[in-house]
């Protein structure tokens, strides 16, 4: 496990595509946007690697009150080996060091695999929360 590097971009996009994460290649998932995000002080962008192959990702962020886990993805060929758990644990450790005691994640309804992973890791599902967004464009 290590921090994201700019040269990881093609492999990260390939992994996210392979795992079915929604992508906005002309918006938030543009190379320059991801490079900027990875350098922000409130972001921990990690990748898991095995023998030079990128096998997983996670992006941890915070607003100083609540931590967020985003973009958790593990290659199907490398699942059920604890990679997702180790990525999440590292984000949790980082957030705990910052004194952040609430960690959340958003998962699309059509992604039961991620729901199972987070439930297994001790996260509680809240079906009483409704998610709203306001976007400059459909690409963001």
Foldseek 3Di string as FASTA:
>chain_A
DAFDDLVCLVLLVVQCVQQVPDALCVPCSPSVNVVVQSPDPQKTWDFDDDPRHTFWIWIWGDPLAEIEIDRTTGHPVPPPPCPSVVRVVVSVVVCVVSVHDHYYYDDDPVCVVVVVVVVVVPDDDDPPDDDDDDDPDPSD
